[in-house]
Amino acid sequence: DGSLKALVIPAGAPEADLDALRDMVTRAHAAGIPIFAFGEGVAAALRALDRAPAAFATTPGVMIRGDEVRMLADTDALAEAAGQV
């Protein structure tokens, strides 16, 4: 239907665009849109939501949906999470 289903923050998101990243993440979160973040994008997305990223420092990815931050440790976890969107 053309609506945004999820926001993806890849690993290696440019440092110069942190303000734009924060804006996108907070808007998506406020709209109830799931956020998938990977690599360095995990910490950046969590910081944008004023959440401590330390607990997720070693996970390759997360899905943020509402107040839940779900670790995506492998492709099976990613596939399951993406299937819920």
PDB file of N, CA and C in Angstrom:
ATOM      1  N   ASP A   1       0.818  -1.210   0.000  1.00  0.00           N
ATOM      2  CA  ASP A   1       0.000   0.000   0.000  1.00  0.00           C
ATOM      3  C   ASP A   1       0.852   1.260   0.000  1.00  0.00           C
ATOM      4  N   GLY A   2       2.169   1.111  -0.042  1.00  0.00           N
ATOM      5  CA  GLY A   2       3.048   2.268  -0.122  1.00  0.00           C
ATOM      6  C   GLY A   2       3.473   2.843   1.214  1.00  0.00           C
ATOM      7  N   SER A   3       2.936   2.335   2.314  1.00  0.00           N
ATOM      8  CA  SER A   3       3.318   2.870   3.617  1.00  0.00           C
ATOM      9  C   SER A   3       4.638   2.264   4.085  1.00  0.00           C
ATOM     10  N   LEU A   4       5.318   3.000   4.933  1.00  0.00           N
ATOM     11  CA  LEU A   4       6.586   2.546   5.481  1.00  0.00           C
ATOM     12  C   LEU A   4       6.315   1.435   6.489  1.00  0.00           C
ATOM     13  N   LYS A   5       6.944   0.287   6.298  1.00  0.00           N
ATOM     14  CA  LYS A   5       6.724  -0.869   7.172  1.00  0.00           C
ATOM     15  C   LYS A   5       7.773  -0.998   8.260  1.00  0.00           C
ATOM     16  N   ALA A   6       8.998  -0.530   7.991  1.00  0.00           N
ATOM     17  CA  ALA A   6      10.083  -0.622   8.966  1.00  0.00           C
ATOM     18  C   ALA A   6      11.205   0.326   8.545  1.00  0.00           C
ATOM     19  N   LEU A   7      12.027   0.693   9.509  1.00  0.00           N
ATOM     20  CA  LEU A   7      13.202   1.514   9.256  1.00  0.00           C
ATOM     21  C   LEU A   7      14.425   0.635   9.489  1.00  0.00           C
ATOM     22  N   VAL A   8      15.379   0.664   8.576  1.00  0.00           N
ATOM     23  CA  VAL A   8      16.602  -0.129   8.701  1.00  0.00           C
ATOM     24  C   VAL A   8      17.785   0.817   8.854  1.00  0.00           C
ATOM     25  N   ILE A   9      18.538   0.623   9.936  1.00  0.00           N
ATOM     26  CA  ILE A   9      19.758   1.384  10.193  1.00  0.00           C
ATOM     27  C   ILE A   9      20.918   0.412   9.985  1.00  0.00           C
ATOM     28  N   PRO A  10      21.664   0.570   8.883  1.00  0.00           N
ATOM     29  CA  PRO A  10      22.743  -0.385   8.600  1.00  0.00           C
ATOM     30  C   PRO A  10      23.992  -0.120   9.425  1.00  0.00           C
ATOM     31  N   ALA A  11      24.859  -1.103   9.448  1.00  0.00           N
ATOM     32  CA  ALA A  11      26.182  -0.906  10.041  1.00  0.00           C
ATOM     33  C   ALA A  11      26.908   0.138   9.221  1.00  0.00           C
ATOM     34  N   GLY A  12      27.731   0.931   9.873  1.00  0.00           N
ATOM     35  CA  GLY A  12      28.512   1.926   9.161  1.00  0.00           C
ATOM     36  C   GLY A  12      27.743   3.170   8.782  1.00  0.00           C
ATOM     37  N   ALA A  13      26.642   3.460   9.481  1.00  0.00           N
ATOM     38  CA  ALA A  13      25.899   4.696   9.213  1.00  0.00           C
ATOM     39  C   ALA A  13      26.862   5.865   9.417  1.00  0.00           C
ATOM     40  N   PRO A  14      26.895   6.815   8.481  1.00  0.00           N
ATOM     41  CA  PRO A  14      27.880   7.907   8.563  1.00  0.00           C
ATOM     42  C   PRO A  14      27.742   8.756   9.819  1.00  0.00           C
ATOM     43  N   GLU A  15      28.852   9.019  10.462  1.00  0.00           N
ATOM     44  CA  GLU A  15      28.875   9.846  11.674  1.00  0.00           C
ATOM     45  C   GLU A  15      28.350  11.255  11.406  1.00  0.00           C
ATOM     46  N   ALA A  16      28.575  11.773  10.201  1.00  0.00           N
ATOM     47  CA  ALA A  16      28.169  13.137   9.880  1.00  0.00           C
ATOM     48  C   ALA A  16      26.654  13.308   9.878  1.00  0.00           C
ATOM     49  N   ASP A  17      25.929  12.229   9.749  1.00  0.00           N
ATOM     50  CA  ASP A  17      24.471  12.301   9.649  1.00  0.00           C
ATOM     51  C   ASP A  17      23.761  11.898  10.937  1.00  0.00           C
ATOM     52  N   LEU A  18      24.401  12.059  12.078  1.00  0.00           N
ATOM     53  CA  LEU A  18      23.792  11.630  13.336  1.00  0.00           C
ATOM     54  C   LEU A  18      22.514  12.388  13.658  1.00  0.00           C
ATOM     55  N   ASP A  19      22.439  13.670  13.328  1.00  0.00           N
ATOM     56  CA  ASP A  19      21.214  14.427  13.578  1.00  0.00           C
ATOM     57  C   ASP A  19      20.077  13.903  12.719  1.00  0.00           C
ATOM     58  N   ALA A  20      20.353  13.614  11.462  1.00  0.00           N
ATOM     59  CA  ALA A  20      19.331  13.064  10.570  1.00  0.00           C
ATOM     60  C   ALA A  20      18.912  11.674  11.042  1.00  0.00           C
ATOM     61  N   LEU A  21      19.872  10.878  11.484  1.00  0.00           N
ATOM     62  CA  LEU A  21      19.570   9.545  11.989  1.00  0.00           C
ATOM     63  C   LEU A  21      18.682   9.627  13.225  1.00  0.00           C
ATOM     64  N   ARG A  22      19.023  10.502  14.144  1.00  0.00           N
ATOM     65  CA  ARG A  22      18.218  10.681  15.356  1.00  0.00           C
ATOM     66  C   ARG A  22      16.789  11.086  14.989  1.00  0.00           C
ATOM     67  N   ASP A  23      16.653  11.982  14.032  1.00  0.00           N
ATOM     68  CA  ASP A  23      15.331  12.432  13.601  1.00  0.00           C
ATOM     69  C   ASP A  23      14.518  11.275  13.017  1.00  0.00           C
ATOM     70  N   MET A  24      15.136  10.491  12.132  1.00  0.00           N
ATOM     71  CA  MET A  24      14.426   9.356  11.522  1.00  0.00           C
ATOM     72  C   MET A  24      14.017   8.323  12.564  1.00  0.00           C
ATOM     73  N   VAL A  25      14.927   8.001  13.461  1.00  0.00           N
ATOM     74  CA  VAL A  25      14.647   6.983  14.482  1.00  0.00           C
ATOM     75  C   VAL A  25      13.533   7.446  15.417  1.00  0.00           C
ATOM     76  N   THR A  26      13.596   8.668  15.890  1.00  0.00           N
ATOM     77  CA  THR A  26      12.560   9.136  16.818  1.00  0.00           C
ATOM     78  C   THR A  26      11.200   9.245  16.127  1.00  0.00           C
ATOM     79  N   ARG A  27      11.191   9.653  14.868  1.00  0.00           N
ATOM     80  CA  ARG A  27       9.910   9.723  14.133  1.00  0.00           C
ATOM     81  C   ARG A  27       9.321   8.328  13.908  1.00  0.00           C
ATOM     82  N   ALA A  28      10.157   7.391  13.497  1.00  0.00           N
ATOM     83  CA  ALA A  28       9.684   6.022  13.275  1.00  0.00           C
ATOM     84  C   ALA A  28       9.158   5.423  14.573  1.00  0.00           C
ATOM     85  N   HIS A  29       9.901   5.610  15.643  1.00  0.00           N
ATOM     86  CA  HIS A  29       9.493   5.067  16.941  1.00  0.00           C
ATOM     87  C   HIS A  29       8.168   5.672  17.392  1.00  0.00           C
ATOM     88  N   ALA A  30       8.017   6.979  17.238  1.00  0.00           N
ATOM     89  CA  ALA A  30       6.772   7.648  17.638  1.00  0.00           C
ATOM     90  C   ALA A  30       5.583   7.160  16.815  1.00  0.00           C
ATOM     91  N   ALA A  31       5.835   6.776  15.574  1.00  0.00           N
ATOM     92  CA  ALA A  31       4.768   6.294  14.693  1.00  0.00           C
ATOM     93  C   ALA A  31       4.502   4.799  14.864  1.00  0.00           C
ATOM     94  N   GLY A  32       5.273   4.137  15.743  1.00  0.00           N
ATOM     95  CA  GLY A  32       5.074   2.708  15.972  1.00  0.00           C
ATOM     96  C   GLY A  32       5.670   1.824  14.890  1.00  0.00           C
ATOM     97  N   ILE A  33       6.600   2.373  14.116  1.00  0.00           N
ATOM     98  CA  ILE A  33       7.244   1.617  13.036  1.00  0.00           C
ATOM     99  C   ILE A  33       8.448   0.870  13.609  1.00  0.00           C
ATOM    100  N   PRO A  34       8.549  -0.438  13.365  1.00  0.00           N
ATOM    101  CA  PRO A  34       9.706  -1.193  13.864  1.00  0.00           C
ATOM    102  C   PRO A  34      11.004  -0.656  13.260  1.00  0.00           C
ATOM    103  N   ILE A  35      12.064  -0.722  14.058  1.00  0.00           N
ATOM    104  CA  ILE A  35      13.376  -0.257  13.625  1.00  0.00           C
ATOM    105  C   ILE A  35      14.334  -1.444  13.712  1.00  0.00           C
ATOM    106  N   PHE A  36      14.966  -1.755  12.592  1.00  0.00           N
ATOM    107  CA  PHE A  36      15.998  -2.782  12.545  1.00  0.00           C
ATOM    108  C   PHE A  36      17.334  -2.063  12.474  1.00  0.00           C
ATOM    109  N   ALA A  37      18.256  -2.414  13.359  1.00  0.00           N
ATOM    110  CA  ALA A  37      19.580  -1.776  13.366  1.00  0.00           C
ATOM    111  C   ALA A  37      20.649  -2.857  13.428  1.00  0.00           C
ATOM    112  N   PHE A  38      21.757  -2.595  12.739  1.00  0.00           N
ATOM    113  CA  PHE A  38      22.838  -3.577  12.627  1.00  0.00           C
ATOM    114  C   PHE A  38      24.183  -2.930  12.872  1.00  0.00           C
ATOM    115  N   GLY A  39      25.123  -3.711  13.422  1.00  0.00           N
ATOM    116  CA  GLY A  39      26.479  -3.222  13.655  1.00  0.00           C
ATOM    117  C   GLY A  39      26.491  -1.949  14.476  1.00  0.00           C
ATOM    118  N   GLU A  40      27.222  -0.945  14.007  1.00  0.00           N
ATOM    119  CA  GLU A  40      27.310   0.338  14.715  1.00  0.00           C
ATOM    120  C   GLU A  40      25.958   1.048  14.769  1.00  0.00           C
ATOM    121  N   GLY A  41      25.060   0.680  13.869  1.00  0.00           N
ATOM    122  CA  GLY A  41      23.722   1.264  13.857  1.00  0.00           C
ATOM    123  C   GLY A  41      22.918   0.918  15.091  1.00  0.00           C
ATOM    124  N   VAL A  42      23.253  -0.189  15.755  1.00  0.00           N
ATOM    125  CA  VAL A  42      22.548  -0.578  16.984  1.00  0.00           C
ATOM    126  C   VAL A  42      22.730   0.502  18.048  1.00  0.00           C
ATOM    127  N   ALA A  43      23.979   0.844  18.332  1.00  0.00           N
ATOM    128  CA  ALA A  43      24.260   1.860  19.357  1.00  0.00           C
ATOM    129  C   ALA A  43      23.675   3.206  18.955  1.00  0.00           C
ATOM    130  N   ALA A  44      23.797   3.567  17.676  1.00  0.00           N
ATOM    131  CA  ALA A  44      23.290   4.856  17.215  1.00  0.00           C
ATOM    132  C   ALA A  44      21.772   4.936  17.381  1.00  0.00           C
ATOM    133  N   ALA A  45      21.062   3.885  17.021  1.00  0.00           N
ATOM    134  CA  ALA A  45      19.601   3.876  17.144  1.00  0.00           C
ATOM    135  C   ALA A  45      19.175   3.929  18.609  1.00  0.00           C
ATOM    136  N   LEU A  46      19.848   3.166  19.454  1.00  0.00           N
ATOM    137  CA  LEU A  46      19.494   3.167  20.876  1.00  0.00           C
ATOM    138  C   LEU A  46      19.794   4.516  21.515  1.00  0.00           C
ATOM    139  N   ARG A  47      20.918   5.122  21.160  1.00  0.00           N
ATOM    140  CA  ARG A  47      21.229   6.454  21.689  1.00  0.00           C
ATOM    141  C   ARG A  47      20.193   7.476  21.232  1.00  0.00           C
ATOM    142  N   ALA A  48      19.719   7.353  20.003  1.00  0.00           N
ATOM    143  CA  ALA A  48      18.707   8.277  19.479  1.00  0.00           C
ATOM    144  C   ALA A  48      17.423   8.207  20.294  1.00  0.00           C
ATOM    145  N   LEU A  49      17.175   7.047  20.909  1.00  0.00           N
ATOM    146  CA  LEU A  49      15.989   6.865  21.744  1.00  0.00           C
ATOM    147  C   LEU A  49      16.299   7.021  23.225  1.00  0.00           C
ATOM    148  N   ASP A  50      17.479   7.552  23.527  1.00  0.00           N
ATOM    149  CA  ASP A  50      17.930   7.757  24.907  1.00  0.00           C
ATOM    150  C   ASP A  50      17.934   6.465  25.716  1.00  0.00           C
ATOM    151  N   ARG A  51      18.393   5.400  25.077  1.00  0.00           N
ATOM    152  CA  ARG A  51      18.531   4.107  25.748  1.00  0.00           C
ATOM    153  C   ARG A  51      20.004   3.723  25.755  1.00  0.00           C
ATOM    154  N   ALA A  52      20.410   3.038  26.792  1.00  0.00           N
ATOM    155  CA  ALA A  52      21.811   2.627  26.921  1.00  0.00           C
ATOM    156  C   ALA A  52      22.110   1.468  25.973  1.00  0.00           C
ATOM    157  N   PRO A  53      23.092   1.630  25.105  1.00  0.00           N
ATOM    158  CA  PRO A  53      23.402   0.561  24.153  1.00  0.00           C
ATOM    159  C   PRO A  53      24.318  -0.531  24.696  1.00  0.00           C
ATOM    160  N   ALA A  54      24.867  -0.347  25.886  1.00  0.00           N
ATOM    161  CA  ALA A  54      25.876  -1.279  26.412  1.00  0.00           C
ATOM    162  C   ALA A  54      25.393  -2.726  26.457  1.00  0.00           C
ATOM    163  N   ALA A  55      24.144  -2.955  26.795  1.00  0.00           N
ATOM    164  CA  ALA A  55      23.635  -4.324  26.897  1.00  0.00           C
ATOM    165  C   ALA A  55      23.588  -5.025  25.538  1.00  0.00           C
ATOM    166  N   PHE A  56      23.683  -4.251  24.458  1.00  0.00           N
ATOM    167  CA  PHE A  56      23.576  -4.817  23.123  1.00  0.00           C
ATOM    168  C   PHE A  56      24.876  -4.657  22.330  1.00  0.00           C
ATOM    169  N   ALA A  57      25.973  -4.421  23.023  1.00  0.00           N
ATOM    170  CA  ALA A  57      27.254  -4.128  22.381  1.00  0.00           C
ATOM    171  C   ALA A  57      27.770  -5.288  21.531  1.00  0.00           C
ATOM    172  N   THR A  58      27.457  -6.502  21.878  1.00  0.00           N
ATOM    173  CA  THR A  58      28.013  -7.646  21.151  1.00  0.00           C
ATOM    174  C   THR A  58      27.023  -8.296  20.187  1.00  0.00           C
ATOM    175  N   THR A  59      25.802  -7.818  20.148  1.00  0.00           N
ATOM    176  CA  THR A  59      24.824  -8.420  19.242  1.00  0.00           C
ATOM    177  C   THR A  59      24.957  -7.807  17.845  1.00  0.00           C
ATOM    178  N   PRO A  60      24.827  -8.616  16.792  1.00  0.00           N
ATOM    179  CA  PRO A  60      24.981  -8.078  15.441  1.00  0.00           C
ATOM    180  C   PRO A  60      23.818  -7.203  14.986  1.00  0.00           C
ATOM    181  N   GLY A  61      22.665  -7.367  15.628  1.00  0.00           N
ATOM    182  CA  GLY A  61      21.511  -6.567  15.227  1.00  0.00           C
ATOM    183  C   GLY A  61      20.415  -6.598  16.262  1.00  0.00           C
ATOM    184  N   VAL A  62      19.485  -5.639  16.136  1.00  0.00           N
ATOM    185  CA  VAL A  62      18.316  -5.584  17.026  1.00  0.00           C
ATOM    186  C   VAL A  62      17.091  -5.147  16.230  1.00  0.00           C
ATOM    187  N   MET A  63      15.940  -5.480  16.773  1.00  0.00           N
ATOM    188  CA  MET A  63      14.693  -4.910  16.296  1.00  0.00           C
ATOM    189  C   MET A  63      14.096  -4.147  17.470  1.00  0.00           C
ATOM    190  N   ILE A  64      13.813  -2.872  17.247  1.00  0.00           N
ATOM    191  CA  ILE A  64      13.202  -2.036  18.274  1.00  0.00           C
ATOM    192  C   ILE A  64      11.751  -1.841  17.876  1.00  0.00           C
ATOM    193  N   ARG A  65      10.866  -2.228  18.760  1.00  0.00           N
ATOM    194  CA  ARG A  65       9.431  -2.093  18.500  1.00  0.00           C
ATOM    195  C   ARG A  65       8.780  -1.691  19.810  1.00  0.00           C
ATOM    196  N   GLY A  66       8.302  -0.464  19.858  1.00  0.00           N
ATOM    197  CA  GLY A  66       7.741   0.040  21.109  1.00  0.00           C
ATOM    198  C   GLY A  66       8.824   0.108  22.162  1.00  0.00           C
ATOM    199  N   ASP A  67       8.553  -0.473  23.323  1.00  0.00           N
ATOM    200  CA  ASP A  67       9.537  -0.481  24.408  1.00  0.00           C
ATOM    201  C   ASP A  67      10.457  -1.689  24.354  1.00  0.00           C
ATOM    202  N   GLU A  68      10.201  -2.600  23.426  1.00  0.00           N
ATOM    203  CA  GLU A  68      10.986  -3.832  23.332  1.00  0.00           C
ATOM    204  C   GLU A  68      12.188  -3.660  22.413  1.00  0.00           C
ATOM    205  N   VAL A  69      13.339  -4.132  22.878  1.00  0.00           N
ATOM    206  CA  VAL A  69      14.534  -4.213  22.045  1.00  0.00           C
ATOM    207  C   VAL A  69      14.879  -5.698  21.975  1.00  0.00           C
ATOM    208  N   ARG A  70      14.754  -6.241  20.788  1.00  0.00           N
ATOM    209  CA  ARG A  70      14.943  -7.677  20.589  1.00  0.00           C
ATOM    210  C   ARG A  70      16.267  -7.923  19.890  1.00  0.00           C
ATOM    211  N   MET A  71      17.124  -8.749  20.488  1.00  0.00           N
ATOM    212  CA  MET A  71      18.407  -9.075  19.879  1.00  0.00           C
ATOM    213  C   MET A  71      18.191  -9.996  18.687  1.00  0.00           C
ATOM    214  N   LEU A  72      18.931  -9.714  17.615  1.00  0.00           N
ATOM    215  CA  LEU A  72      18.901 -10.538  16.411  1.00  0.00           C
ATOM    216  C   LEU A  72      20.291 -11.139  16.257  1.00  0.00           C
ATOM    217  N   ALA A  73      20.477 -12.301  16.854  1.00  0.00           N
ATOM    218  CA  ALA A  73      21.800 -12.908  16.927  1.00  0.00           C
ATOM    219  C   ALA A  73      22.224 -13.606  15.633  1.00  0.00           C
ATOM    220  N   ASP A  74      21.251 -13.967  14.787  1.00  0.00           N
ATOM    221  CA  ASP A  74      21.595 -14.680  13.562  1.00  0.00           C
ATOM    222  C   ASP A  74      20.512 -14.466  12.510  1.00  0.00           C
ATOM    223  N   THR A  75      20.706 -15.057  11.339  1.00  0.00           N
ATOM    224  CA  THR A  75      19.754 -14.841  10.246  1.00  0.00           C
ATOM    225  C   THR A  75      18.383 -15.440  10.538  1.00  0.00           C
ATOM    226  N   ASP A  76      18.333 -16.510  11.325  1.00  0.00           N
ATOM    227  CA  ASP A  76      17.033 -17.081  11.691  1.00  0.00           C
ATOM    228  C   ASP A  76      16.231 -16.104  12.536  1.00  0.00           C
ATOM    229  N   ALA A  77      16.883 -15.465  13.499  1.00  0.00           N
ATOM    230  CA  ALA A  77      16.203 -14.468  14.347  1.00  0.00           C
ATOM    231  C   ALA A  77      15.761 -13.266  13.517  1.00  0.00           C
ATOM    232  N   LEU A  78      16.610 -12.866  12.576  1.00  0.00           N
ATOM    233  CA  LEU A  78      16.255 -11.756  11.693  1.00  0.00           C
ATOM    234  C   LEU A  78      15.049 -12.108  10.834  1.00  0.00           C
ATOM    235  N   ALA A  79      15.053 -13.302  10.257  1.00  0.00           N
ATOM    236  CA  ALA A  79      13.936 -13.737   9.416  1.00  0.00           C
ATOM    237  C   ALA A  79      12.634 -13.789  10.198  1.00  0.00           C
ATOM    238  N   GLU A  80      12.687 -14.291  11.421  1.00  0.00           N
ATOM    239  CA  GLU A  80      11.493 -14.364  12.257  1.00  0.00           C
ATOM    240  C   GLU A  80      10.962 -12.953  12.572  1.00  0.00           C
ATOM    241  N   ALA A  81      11.854 -12.060  12.945  1.00  0.00           N
ATOM    242  CA  ALA A  81      11.454 -10.688  13.269  1.00  0.00           C
ATOM    243  C   ALA A  81      10.889  -9.970  12.048  1.00  0.00           C
ATOM    244  N   ALA A  82      11.546 -10.135  10.909  1.00  0.00           N
ATOM    245  CA  ALA A  82      11.074  -9.484   9.678  1.00  0.00           C
ATOM    246  C   ALA A  82       9.716 -10.044   9.262  1.00  0.00           C
ATOM    247  N   GLY A  83       9.481 -11.303   9.526  1.00  0.00           N
ATOM    248  CA  GLY A  83       8.190 -11.913   9.202  1.00  0.00           C
ATOM    249  C   GLY A  83       7.040 -11.342  10.005  1.00  0.00           C
ATOM    250  N   GLN A  84       7.328 -10.721  11.130  1.00  0.00           N
ATOM    251  CA  GLN A  84       6.291 -10.122  11.977  1.00  0.00           C
ATOM    252  C   GLN A  84       5.923  -8.710  11.536  1.00  0.00           C
ATOM    253  N   VAL A  85       6.683  -8.171  10.609  1.00  0.00           N
ATOM    254  CA  VAL A  85       6.441  -6.784  10.174  1.00  0.00           C
ATOM    255  C   VAL A  85       5.441  -6.778   9.039  1.00  0.00           C
TER     256      VAL A  85
END
